[in-house]
Amino acid sequence: MREYIAAVVMIVFTSLSFWGMNMFGFQNNPHDVLWAIGAGLALLIIMLINVYIYFVICKETPWTWKNEESSNQDE
């Protein structure tokens, strides 16, 4: 369940970040090298923050495996 919550939070954060980039005017300067470098760094930072959000919300649940008892009951 935590994975779904993390996905929703990440989508909201990414959407707000892209909205902020559009408000700042990144799309108006596609041929300027400095703007391109700035946009690339902004996207990299957004991606790293998304990874951080995922690990903070999910904690250890992505690495929780089925134990032997639950797999034996299925048979």
C-alpha atoms as a PDB file:
ATOM      1  CA  MET A   1       0.000   0.000   0.000  1.00  0.00           C
ATOM      2  CA  ARG A   2       2.882   2.351   0.744  1.00  0.00           C
ATOM      3  CA  GLU A   3       4.095   1.989  -2.839  1.00  0.00           C
ATOM      4  CA  TYR A   4       0.809   3.429  -4.150  1.00  0.00           C
ATOM      5  CA  ILE A   5       0.947   6.337  -1.719  1.00  0.00           C
ATOM      6  CA  ALA A   6       4.546   7.033  -2.723  1.00  0.00           C
ATOM      7  CA  ALA A   7       3.588   6.929  -6.412  1.00  0.00           C
ATOM      8  CA  VAL A   8       0.788   9.463  -5.874  1.00  0.00           C
ATOM      9  CA  VAL A   9       3.070  11.793  -3.901  1.00  0.00           C
ATOM     10  CA  MET A  10       5.768  11.490  -6.566  1.00  0.00           C
ATOM     11  CA  ILE A  11       3.297  12.268  -9.360  1.00  0.00           C
ATOM     12  CA  VAL A  12       2.005  15.316  -7.488  1.00  0.00           C
ATOM     13  CA  PHE A  13       5.545  16.553  -6.781  1.00  0.00           C
ATOM     14  CA  THR A  14       6.655  16.013 -10.379  1.00  0.00           C
ATOM     15  CA  SER A  15       3.551  17.756 -11.738  1.00  0.00           C
ATOM     16  CA  LEU A  16       4.112  20.751  -9.478  1.00  0.00           C
ATOM     17  CA  SER A  17       7.779  20.842 -10.448  1.00  0.00           C
ATOM     18  CA  PHE A  18       6.980  20.831 -14.173  1.00  0.00           C
ATOM     19  CA  TRP A  19       4.351  23.518 -13.610  1.00  0.00           C
ATOM     20  CA  GLY A  20       6.969  25.590 -11.789  1.00  0.00           C
ATOM     21  CA  MET A  21       9.442  25.092 -14.613  1.00  0.00           C
ATOM     22  CA  ASN A  22       6.807  26.272 -17.110  1.00  0.00           C
ATOM     23  CA  MET A  23       5.990  29.305 -14.956  1.00  0.00           C
ATOM     24  CA  PHE A  24       9.713  30.108 -14.762  1.00  0.00           C
ATOM     25  CA  GLY A  25       9.927  30.030 -18.557  1.00  0.00           C
ATOM     26  CA  PHE A  26      12.083  27.029 -19.416  1.00  0.00           C
ATOM     27  CA  GLN A  27      10.028  26.293 -22.541  1.00  0.00           C
ATOM     28  CA  ASN A  28      10.674  29.761 -23.988  1.00  0.00           C
ATOM     29  CA  ASN A  29      14.435  29.255 -24.408  1.00  0.00           C
ATOM     30  CA  PRO A  30      15.012  25.842 -26.036  1.00  0.00           C
ATOM     31  CA  HIS A  31      18.106  26.924 -28.024  1.00  0.00           C
ATOM     32  CA  ASP A  32      19.988  28.682 -25.230  1.00  0.00           C
ATOM     33  CA  VAL A  33      22.762  26.483 -23.826  1.00  0.00           C
ATOM     34  CA  LEU A  34      22.578  27.835 -20.280  1.00  0.00           C
ATOM     35  CA  TRP A  35      18.818  27.335 -20.122  1.00  0.00           C
ATOM     36  CA  ALA A  36      19.255  23.784 -21.449  1.00  0.00           C
ATOM     37  CA  ILE A  37      21.870  23.020 -18.777  1.00  0.00           C
ATOM     38  CA  GLY A  38      19.621  24.552 -16.122  1.00  0.00           C
ATOM     39  CA  ALA A  39      16.646  22.500 -17.278  1.00  0.00           C
ATOM     40  CA  GLY A  40      18.745  19.331 -17.308  1.00  0.00           C
ATOM     41  CA  LEU A  41      19.968  19.976 -13.782  1.00  0.00           C
ATOM     42  CA  ALA A  42      16.431  20.755 -12.641  1.00  0.00           C
ATOM     43  CA  LEU A  43      15.163  17.464 -14.099  1.00  0.00           C
ATOM     44  CA  LEU A  44      18.022  15.564 -12.444  1.00  0.00           C
ATOM     45  CA  ILE A  45      17.247  17.146  -9.078  1.00  0.00           C
ATOM     46  CA  ILE A  46      13.534  16.403  -9.504  1.00  0.00           C
ATOM     47  CA  MET A  47      14.354  12.754 -10.229  1.00  0.00           C
ATOM     48  CA  LEU A  48      16.624  12.476  -7.166  1.00  0.00           C
ATOM     49  CA  ILE A  49      13.958  14.045  -4.952  1.00  0.00           C
ATOM     50  CA  ASN A  50      11.425  11.538  -6.333  1.00  0.00           C
ATOM     51  CA  VAL A  51      13.747   8.674  -5.369  1.00  0.00           C
ATOM     52  CA  TYR A  52      14.154  10.178  -1.905  1.00  0.00           C
ATOM     53  CA  ILE A  53      10.369  10.561  -1.537  1.00  0.00           C
ATOM     54  CA  TYR A  54       9.902   6.909  -2.522  1.00  0.00           C
ATOM     55  CA  PHE A  55      12.402   5.633   0.037  1.00  0.00           C
ATOM     56  CA  VAL A  56      11.081   7.872   2.825  1.00  0.00           C
ATOM     57  CA  ILE A  57       7.469   6.798   2.311  1.00  0.00           C
ATOM     58  CA  CYS A  58       8.018   3.111   1.523  1.00  0.00           C
ATOM     59  CA  LYS A  59      10.750   2.486   4.115  1.00  0.00           C
ATOM     60  CA  GLU A  60      11.466  -1.267   4.072  1.00  0.00           C
ATOM     61  CA  THR A  61       8.287  -2.531   2.408  1.00  0.00           C
ATOM     62  CA  PRO A  62       9.724  -2.939  -1.134  1.00  0.00           C
ATOM     63  CA  TRP A  63      12.286  -5.397   0.252  1.00  0.00           C
ATOM     64  CA  THR A  64       9.868  -7.473   2.314  1.00  0.00           C
ATOM     65  CA  TRP A  65       9.711 -10.995   0.906  1.00  0.00           C
ATOM     66  CA  LYS A  66       7.161 -13.691   1.544  1.00  0.00           C
ATOM     67  CA  ASN A  67       8.181 -15.914   4.387  1.00  0.00           C
ATOM     68  CA  GLU A  68       8.226 -19.694   4.075  1.00  0.00           C
ATOM     69  CA  GLU A  69       5.003 -20.203   6.056  1.00  0.00           C
ATOM     70  CA  SER A  70       2.849 -18.145   3.715  1.00  0.00           C
ATOM     71  CA  SER A  71       4.259 -19.839   0.602  1.00  0.00           C
ATOM     72  CA  ASN A  72       3.653 -23.318   2.088  1.00  0.00           C
ATOM     73  CA  GLN A  73       0.027 -22.498   2.901  1.00  0.00           C
ATOM     74  CA  ASP A  74      -0.688 -21.691  -0.741  1.00  0.00           C
ATOM     75  CA  GLU A  75       0.162 -25.237  -1.863  1.00  0.00           C
END
